[in-house]
Amino acid sequence: MTQRTGRCLCGAVTFTLATDPLAVRICWCRDCQHVAANGTVNMMVPAEALTVSGEVAEYVMTADSGNQLRRQFCPNCGTHLFGISSGRPQFRVVRVGNLDDPSSVTPTTNIWTDSAPAWACLDPALERVSGQPVPPARSPS
């Protein structure tokens, strides 16, 4: 297990992850493209492994799955940090770019590839899933 730390752009929100990610994926859904103007690299972690310091704001929306999705971000600088789905409340999605060492994890899969723009750079070595992937199995703690 590796402990990882991260923060928003202005440093008002910091976080610690007390476990390795369950999955690391590049998401090409249209919502992620709106957040980043590109695909986003995300990791899924057990909710209890994420400790957050500082105030986060939320934007709640209904995803294509019908689940309520809470997107959490820094209210000061606007950095998108975390995602929480009502369909998978036991997990948190963490934006890898906010890690202090984003190279400490490696994506294994491109997801929602059917939504990727024609110019998207999809690594042919990574698995491709056309839409929503199966949730990761929870690793024993």
N, C-alpha and C. Protein backbone atom coordinates (compact mmCIF):
# COMPACT_ATOMS: atom_id res chain seq x y z
N MET A 1 0.84 -1.18 0.00
CA MET A 1 0.00 0.00 0.00
C MET A 1 0.88 1.24 0.00
N THR A 2 0.49 2.21 -0.78
CA THR A 2 1.20 3.47 -0.87
C THR A 2 0.26 4.59 -0.46
N GLN A 3 0.71 5.45 0.45
CA GLN A 3 -0.08 6.63 0.79
C GLN A 3 0.22 7.72 -0.22
N ARG A 4 -0.81 8.38 -0.71
CA ARG A 4 -0.64 9.46 -1.68
C ARG A 4 -1.31 10.72 -1.14
N THR A 5 -0.77 11.87 -1.54
CA THR A 5 -1.33 13.15 -1.14
C THR A 5 -1.61 13.97 -2.39
N GLY A 6 -2.45 14.97 -2.23
CA GLY A 6 -2.77 15.85 -3.34
C GLY A 6 -3.39 17.13 -2.85
N ARG A 7 -3.71 18.01 -3.82
CA ARG A 7 -4.28 19.30 -3.47
C ARG A 7 -4.93 19.93 -4.69
N CYS A 8 -5.69 20.97 -4.43
CA CYS A 8 -6.24 21.77 -5.51
C CYS A 8 -5.18 22.77 -5.97
N LEU A 9 -5.48 23.52 -6.98
CA LEU A 9 -4.53 24.47 -7.56
C LEU A 9 -4.05 25.50 -6.54
N CYS A 10 -4.96 26.04 -5.71
CA CYS A 10 -4.58 27.08 -4.76
C CYS A 10 -4.11 26.53 -3.42
N GLY A 11 -4.29 25.23 -3.17
CA GLY A 11 -3.84 24.61 -1.93
C GLY A 11 -4.82 24.71 -0.77
N ALA A 12 -6.00 25.29 -1.00
CA ALA A 12 -6.99 25.40 0.07
C ALA A 12 -7.59 24.06 0.45
N VAL A 13 -7.62 23.12 -0.50
CA VAL A 13 -8.12 21.77 -0.24
C VAL A 13 -6.96 20.80 -0.46
N THR A 14 -6.69 19.99 0.55
CA THR A 14 -5.68 18.95 0.45
C THR A 14 -6.34 17.62 0.76
N PHE A 15 -5.70 16.55 0.33
CA PHE A 15 -6.26 15.23 0.61
C PHE A 15 -5.16 14.19 0.73
N THR A 16 -5.50 13.11 1.42
CA THR A 16 -4.61 11.97 1.59
C THR A 16 -5.38 10.72 1.23
N LEU A 17 -4.74 9.84 0.49
CA LEU A 17 -5.29 8.53 0.15
C LEU A 17 -4.49 7.49 0.91
N ALA A 18 -5.18 6.67 1.68
CA ALA A 18 -4.51 5.69 2.54
C ALA A 18 -4.48 4.29 1.94
N THR A 19 -4.67 4.19 0.63
CA THR A 19 -4.65 2.90 -0.04
C THR A 19 -4.30 3.08 -1.50
N ASP A 20 -3.94 2.01 -2.15
CA ASP A 20 -3.74 2.04 -3.59
C ASP A 20 -5.10 2.12 -4.27
N PRO A 21 -5.16 2.68 -5.47
CA PRO A 21 -6.45 2.77 -6.17
C PRO A 21 -6.95 1.39 -6.59
N LEU A 22 -8.27 1.28 -6.67
CA LEU A 22 -8.91 0.05 -7.15
C LEU A 22 -8.88 0.00 -8.68
N ALA A 23 -8.90 1.18 -9.30
CA ALA A 23 -8.86 1.29 -10.76
C ALA A 23 -8.33 2.67 -11.12
N VAL A 24 -7.61 2.74 -12.24
CA VAL A 24 -7.15 4.02 -12.78
C VAL A 24 -7.54 4.02 -14.26
N ARG A 25 -8.37 5.00 -14.64
CA ARG A 25 -8.95 4.99 -15.98
C ARG A 25 -8.92 6.38 -16.60
N ILE A 26 -8.89 6.41 -17.91
CA ILE A 26 -9.06 7.66 -18.65
C ILE A 26 -10.50 7.68 -19.15
N CYS A 27 -11.25 8.68 -18.72
CA CYS A 27 -12.67 8.74 -19.05
C CYS A 27 -12.93 9.75 -20.16
N TRP A 28 -13.66 9.28 -21.17
CA TRP A 28 -14.01 10.11 -22.32
C TRP A 28 -15.50 10.41 -22.38
N CYS A 29 -16.21 10.27 -21.27
CA CYS A 29 -17.64 10.63 -21.29
C CYS A 29 -17.77 12.13 -21.54
N ARG A 30 -18.89 12.54 -22.03
CA ARG A 30 -19.09 13.96 -22.36
C ARG A 30 -19.02 14.83 -21.11
N ASP A 31 -19.45 14.34 -19.97
CA ASP A 31 -19.36 15.13 -18.74
C ASP A 31 -17.90 15.42 -18.39
N CYS A 32 -17.04 14.41 -18.45
CA CYS A 32 -15.62 14.62 -18.16
C CYS A 32 -14.99 15.55 -19.18
N GLN A 33 -15.42 15.45 -20.44
CA GLN A 33 -14.89 16.36 -21.45
C GLN A 33 -15.28 17.81 -21.14
N HIS A 34 -16.48 18.01 -20.59
CA HIS A 34 -16.89 19.36 -20.20
C HIS A 34 -16.06 19.87 -19.03
N VAL A 35 -15.73 18.99 -18.08
CA VAL A 35 -14.94 19.37 -16.92
C VAL A 35 -13.52 19.77 -17.33
N ALA A 36 -12.93 19.01 -18.26
CA ALA A 36 -11.51 19.18 -18.57
C ALA A 36 -11.22 19.61 -20.01
N ALA A 37 -12.23 19.70 -20.86
CA ALA A 37 -12.03 19.98 -22.29
C ALA A 37 -11.18 18.90 -22.95
N ASN A 38 -11.24 17.69 -22.37
CA ASN A 38 -10.44 16.56 -22.83
C ASN A 38 -10.94 15.34 -22.07
N GLY A 39 -10.30 14.21 -22.21
CA GLY A 39 -10.56 13.07 -21.34
C GLY A 39 -9.93 13.37 -19.97
N THR A 40 -10.40 12.70 -18.94
CA THR A 40 -9.83 12.91 -17.60
C THR A 40 -9.28 11.59 -17.07
N VAL A 41 -8.17 11.68 -16.35
CA VAL A 41 -7.58 10.51 -15.72
C VAL A 41 -8.06 10.47 -14.28
N ASN A 42 -8.75 9.39 -13.94
CA ASN A 42 -9.38 9.26 -12.64
C ASN A 42 -8.97 7.96 -11.99
N MET A 43 -8.98 7.98 -10.67
CA MET A 43 -8.79 6.72 -9.96
C MET A 43 -9.94 6.54 -8.99
N MET A 44 -10.33 5.28 -8.82
CA MET A 44 -11.40 4.93 -7.91
C MET A 44 -10.77 4.36 -6.65
N VAL A 45 -11.24 4.88 -5.50
CA VAL A 45 -10.71 4.43 -4.21
C VAL A 45 -11.88 4.16 -3.27
N PRO A 46 -11.69 3.32 -2.25
CA PRO A 46 -12.73 3.16 -1.23
C PRO A 46 -12.94 4.49 -0.51
N ALA A 47 -14.20 4.84 -0.26
CA ALA A 47 -14.52 6.12 0.37
C ALA A 47 -13.76 6.35 1.67
N GLU A 48 -13.64 5.30 2.47
CA GLU A 48 -13.00 5.46 3.78
C GLU A 48 -11.49 5.69 3.68
N ALA A 49 -10.90 5.49 2.52
CA ALA A 49 -9.46 5.68 2.35
C ALA A 49 -9.09 7.13 2.00
N LEU A 50 -10.09 7.97 1.76
CA LEU A 50 -9.86 9.36 1.36
C LEU A 50 -10.13 10.29 2.54
N THR A 51 -9.12 11.08 2.91
CA THR A 51 -9.27 12.10 3.95
C THR A 51 -9.08 13.46 3.29
N VAL A 52 -10.04 14.35 3.49
CA VAL A 52 -10.02 15.66 2.85
C VAL A 52 -9.92 16.75 3.92
N SER A 53 -9.05 17.72 3.68
CA SER A 53 -8.92 18.87 4.56
C SER A 53 -9.23 20.12 3.75
N GLY A 54 -10.11 20.94 4.26
CA GLY A 54 -10.52 22.15 3.56
C GLY A 54 -11.95 22.01 3.07
N GLU A 55 -12.52 23.10 2.69
CA GLU A 55 -13.92 23.14 2.25
C GLU A 55 -14.03 22.80 0.77
N VAL A 56 -14.99 21.93 0.44
CA VAL A 56 -15.29 21.65 -0.96
C VAL A 56 -16.72 22.09 -1.25
N ALA A 57 -16.93 22.54 -2.45
CA ALA A 57 -18.27 22.85 -2.95
C ALA A 57 -18.70 21.68 -3.82
N GLU A 58 -20.00 21.61 -4.12
CA GLU A 58 -20.52 20.50 -4.91
C GLU A 58 -21.45 20.99 -6.02
N TYR A 59 -21.43 20.24 -7.09
CA TYR A 59 -22.41 20.38 -8.15
C TYR A 59 -23.04 19.01 -8.30
N VAL A 60 -24.36 18.92 -8.18
CA VAL A 60 -25.07 17.64 -8.26
C VAL A 60 -25.82 17.58 -9.58
N MET A 61 -25.69 16.45 -10.25
CA MET A 61 -26.37 16.26 -11.53
C MET A 61 -26.82 14.81 -11.66
N THR A 62 -27.67 14.55 -12.62
CA THR A 62 -28.07 13.19 -12.92
C THR A 62 -27.24 12.70 -14.10
N ALA A 63 -26.52 11.60 -13.89
CA ALA A 63 -25.67 11.02 -14.93
C ALA A 63 -26.52 10.23 -15.92
N ASP A 64 -25.93 9.83 -17.04
CA ASP A 64 -26.63 9.03 -18.05
C ASP A 64 -27.16 7.73 -17.45
N SER A 65 -26.51 7.25 -16.39
CA SER A 65 -26.94 6.01 -15.72
C SER A 65 -28.22 6.21 -14.91
N GLY A 66 -28.60 7.46 -14.65
CA GLY A 66 -29.73 7.75 -13.78
C GLY A 66 -29.32 8.01 -12.34
N ASN A 67 -28.05 7.74 -12.03
CA ASN A 67 -27.54 7.99 -10.68
C ASN A 67 -27.28 9.48 -10.46
N GLN A 68 -27.39 9.91 -9.21
CA GLN A 68 -27.01 11.26 -8.85
C GLN A 68 -25.50 11.29 -8.71
N LEU A 69 -24.87 12.25 -9.36
CA LEU A 69 -23.42 12.39 -9.31
C LEU A 69 -23.09 13.71 -8.64
N ARG A 70 -22.31 13.63 -7.58
CA ARG A 70 -21.85 14.82 -6.85
C ARG A 70 -20.41 15.08 -7.26
N ARG A 71 -20.19 16.19 -7.92
CA ARG A 71 -18.84 16.60 -8.32
C ARG A 71 -18.36 17.61 -7.29
N GLN A 72 -17.24 17.31 -6.64
CA GLN A 72 -16.72 18.19 -5.60
C GLN A 72 -15.50 18.94 -6.12
N PHE A 73 -15.45 20.23 -5.79
CA PHE A 73 -14.39 21.10 -6.29
C PHE A 73 -14.05 22.15 -5.25
N CYS A 74 -12.89 22.78 -5.42
CA CYS A 74 -12.48 23.86 -4.52
C CYS A 74 -13.31 25.10 -4.84
N PRO A 75 -13.99 25.69 -3.83
CA PRO A 75 -14.78 26.88 -4.10
C PRO A 75 -13.93 28.12 -4.36
N ASN A 76 -12.64 28.05 -4.05
CA ASN A 76 -11.75 29.19 -4.24
C ASN A 76 -11.17 29.22 -5.66
N CYS A 77 -10.55 28.12 -6.09
CA CYS A 77 -9.89 28.11 -7.40
C CYS A 77 -10.65 27.32 -8.46
N GLY A 78 -11.67 26.56 -8.06
CA GLY A 78 -12.50 25.83 -9.01
C GLY A 78 -11.96 24.47 -9.44
N THR A 79 -10.84 24.05 -8.89
CA THR A 79 -10.25 22.76 -9.27
C THR A 79 -11.22 21.63 -8.96
N HIS A 80 -11.55 20.83 -9.98
CA HIS A 80 -12.39 19.66 -9.78
C HIS A 80 -11.55 18.58 -9.12
N LEU A 81 -12.04 18.03 -7.99
CA LEU A 81 -11.25 17.10 -7.20
C LEU A 81 -11.82 15.69 -7.14
N PHE A 82 -13.11 15.56 -6.79
CA PHE A 82 -13.68 14.24 -6.47
C PHE A 82 -15.06 14.08 -7.10
N GLY A 83 -15.45 12.83 -7.28
CA GLY A 83 -16.78 12.49 -7.73
C GLY A 83 -17.36 11.42 -6.83
N ILE A 84 -18.68 11.52 -6.58
CA ILE A 84 -19.39 10.55 -5.74
C ILE A 84 -20.69 10.20 -6.46
N SER A 85 -20.90 8.92 -6.73
CA SER A 85 -22.11 8.47 -7.40
C SER A 85 -23.06 7.81 -6.40
N SER A 86 -24.34 8.13 -6.51
CA SER A 86 -25.33 7.49 -5.64
C SER A 86 -25.40 5.99 -5.91
N GLY A 87 -24.99 5.56 -7.10
CA GLY A 87 -24.99 4.15 -7.45
C GLY A 87 -23.81 3.37 -6.89
N ARG A 88 -22.79 4.09 -6.44
CA ARG A 88 -21.58 3.45 -5.89
C ARG A 88 -21.04 4.30 -4.73
N PRO A 89 -21.84 4.49 -3.68
CA PRO A 89 -21.43 5.39 -2.59
C PRO A 89 -20.22 4.91 -1.81
N GLN A 90 -19.86 3.65 -1.97
CA GLN A 90 -18.70 3.11 -1.26
C GLN A 90 -17.37 3.53 -1.89
N PHE A 91 -17.43 4.18 -3.06
CA PHE A 91 -16.22 4.61 -3.78
C PHE A 91 -16.16 6.12 -3.90
N ARG A 92 -14.95 6.62 -4.12
CA ARG A 92 -14.73 8.01 -4.50
C ARG A 92 -13.87 8.00 -5.76
N VAL A 93 -14.18 8.91 -6.67
CA VAL A 93 -13.38 9.11 -7.86
C VAL A 93 -12.48 10.31 -7.58
N VAL A 94 -11.20 10.14 -7.78
CA VAL A 94 -10.22 11.19 -7.52
C VAL A 94 -9.53 11.53 -8.83
N ARG A 95 -9.43 12.81 -9.15
CA ARG A 95 -8.74 13.26 -10.36
C ARG A 95 -7.24 13.11 -10.16
N VAL A 96 -6.61 12.28 -10.97
CA VAL A 96 -5.20 11.94 -10.82
C VAL A 96 -4.29 13.17 -10.95
N GLY A 97 -4.65 14.12 -11.78
CA GLY A 97 -3.82 15.31 -11.97
C GLY A 97 -3.65 16.14 -10.72
N ASN A 98 -4.48 15.92 -9.71
CA ASN A 98 -4.37 16.67 -8.45
C ASN A 98 -3.46 15.99 -7.44
N LEU A 99 -2.95 14.80 -7.76
CA LEU A 99 -1.99 14.16 -6.88
C LEU A 99 -0.69 14.95 -6.87
N ASP A 100 0.00 14.95 -5.74
CA ASP A 100 1.32 15.57 -5.69
C ASP A 100 2.29 14.84 -6.62
N ASP A 101 2.08 13.54 -6.81
CA ASP A 101 2.89 12.75 -7.73
C ASP A 101 1.96 11.96 -8.66
N PRO A 102 1.45 12.60 -9.71
CA PRO A 102 0.52 11.88 -10.60
C PRO A 102 1.15 10.70 -11.31
N SER A 103 2.47 10.65 -11.39
CA SER A 103 3.14 9.51 -12.01
C SER A 103 3.16 8.27 -11.12
N SER A 104 2.63 8.41 -9.89
CA SER A 104 2.62 7.26 -8.97
C SER A 104 1.54 6.24 -9.32
N VAL A 105 0.66 6.58 -10.26
CA VAL A 105 -0.36 5.64 -10.73
C VAL A 105 -0.32 5.62 -12.26
N THR A 106 -0.81 4.53 -12.83
CA THR A 106 -0.81 4.37 -14.28
C THR A 106 -2.18 3.91 -14.74
N PRO A 107 -2.79 4.62 -15.69
CA PRO A 107 -4.08 4.16 -16.20
C PRO A 107 -3.96 2.81 -16.90
N THR A 108 -5.03 2.02 -16.79
CA THR A 108 -5.06 0.72 -17.46
C THR A 108 -6.14 0.63 -18.53
N THR A 109 -7.08 1.59 -18.51
CA THR A 109 -8.26 1.48 -19.37
C THR A 109 -8.72 2.85 -19.84
N ASN A 110 -9.16 2.92 -21.09
CA ASN A 110 -9.92 4.07 -21.59
C ASN A 110 -11.39 3.69 -21.52
N ILE A 111 -12.21 4.53 -20.88
CA ILE A 111 -13.64 4.24 -20.77
C ILE A 111 -14.46 5.30 -21.51
N TRP A 112 -15.68 4.94 -21.85
CA TRP A 112 -16.58 5.80 -22.62
C TRP A 112 -15.91 6.20 -23.94
N THR A 113 -15.22 5.25 -24.57
CA THR A 113 -14.49 5.56 -25.80
C THR A 113 -15.43 5.91 -26.96
N ASP A 114 -16.68 5.45 -26.91
CA ASP A 114 -17.62 5.82 -27.97
C ASP A 114 -17.91 7.32 -27.97
N SER A 115 -17.63 8.00 -26.85
CA SER A 115 -17.85 9.45 -26.75
C SER A 115 -16.60 10.26 -27.04
N ALA A 116 -15.47 9.60 -27.23
CA ALA A 116 -14.21 10.32 -27.47
C ALA A 116 -14.27 11.03 -28.81
N PRO A 117 -13.71 12.26 -28.88
CA PRO A 117 -13.66 12.94 -30.17
C PRO A 117 -12.71 12.23 -31.13
N ALA A 118 -12.85 12.50 -32.40
CA ALA A 118 -12.03 11.85 -33.42
C ALA A 118 -10.54 12.10 -33.21
N TRP A 119 -10.18 13.23 -32.59
CA TRP A 119 -8.77 13.57 -32.39
C TRP A 119 -8.19 13.01 -31.09
N ALA A 120 -8.98 12.30 -30.30
CA ALA A 120 -8.50 11.78 -29.02
C ALA A 120 -7.30 10.85 -29.22
N CYS A 121 -6.31 11.00 -28.36
CA CYS A 121 -5.12 10.14 -28.40
C CYS A 121 -5.35 8.97 -27.44
N LEU A 122 -5.80 7.84 -27.97
CA LEU A 122 -6.09 6.66 -27.16
C LEU A 122 -4.92 5.69 -27.27
N ASP A 123 -4.27 5.44 -26.17
CA ASP A 123 -3.12 4.53 -26.14
C ASP A 123 -3.61 3.14 -26.54
N PRO A 124 -3.07 2.57 -27.62
CA PRO A 124 -3.52 1.25 -28.07
C PRO A 124 -3.16 0.13 -27.09
N ALA A 125 -2.25 0.40 -26.16
CA ALA A 125 -1.87 -0.62 -25.17
C ALA A 125 -2.89 -0.74 -24.05
N LEU A 126 -3.79 0.25 -23.94
CA LEU A 126 -4.78 0.23 -22.86
C LEU A 126 -6.08 -0.43 -23.32
N GLU A 127 -6.70 -1.12 -22.40
CA GLU A 127 -8.03 -1.69 -22.66
C GLU A 127 -8.98 -0.56 -23.02
N ARG A 128 -9.96 -0.86 -23.88
CA ARG A 128 -10.98 0.12 -24.25
C ARG A 128 -12.35 -0.43 -23.88
N VAL A 129 -13.13 0.42 -23.23
CA VAL A 129 -14.51 0.09 -22.88
C VAL A 129 -15.38 1.19 -23.50
N SER A 130 -16.36 0.78 -24.31
CA SER A 130 -17.13 1.76 -25.08
C SER A 130 -18.02 2.65 -24.21
N GLY A 131 -18.42 2.18 -23.04
CA GLY A 131 -19.30 2.95 -22.16
C GLY A 131 -18.90 2.80 -20.71
N GLN A 132 -19.90 2.55 -19.87
CA GLN A 132 -19.67 2.43 -18.43
C GLN A 132 -19.00 1.10 -18.10
N PRO A 133 -17.87 1.12 -17.40
CA PRO A 133 -17.20 -0.14 -17.04
C PRO A 133 -17.86 -0.79 -15.83
N VAL A 134 -17.58 -2.04 -15.65
CA VAL A 134 -18.01 -2.78 -14.46
C VAL A 134 -17.25 -2.20 -13.27
N PRO A 135 -17.91 -2.01 -12.12
CA PRO A 135 -17.18 -1.47 -10.97
C PRO A 135 -16.07 -2.42 -10.54
N PRO A 136 -14.98 -1.84 -10.02
CA PRO A 136 -13.87 -2.69 -9.58
C PRO A 136 -14.25 -3.50 -8.36
N ALA A 137 -13.63 -4.66 -8.23
CA ALA A 137 -13.81 -5.46 -7.02
C ALA A 137 -13.08 -4.75 -5.90
N ARG A 138 -13.66 -4.77 -4.75
CA ARG A 138 -13.03 -4.13 -3.60
C ARG A 138 -11.91 -5.01 -3.10
N SER A 139 -10.71 -4.44 -3.00
CA SER A 139 -9.59 -5.24 -2.53
C SER A 139 -9.69 -5.42 -1.01
N PRO A 140 -9.21 -6.54 -0.50
CA PRO A 140 -9.25 -6.75 0.94
C PRO A 140 -8.37 -5.73 1.65
N SER A 141 -8.86 -5.19 2.74
CA SER A 141 -8.10 -4.18 3.48
C SER A 141 -7.33 -4.80 4.61
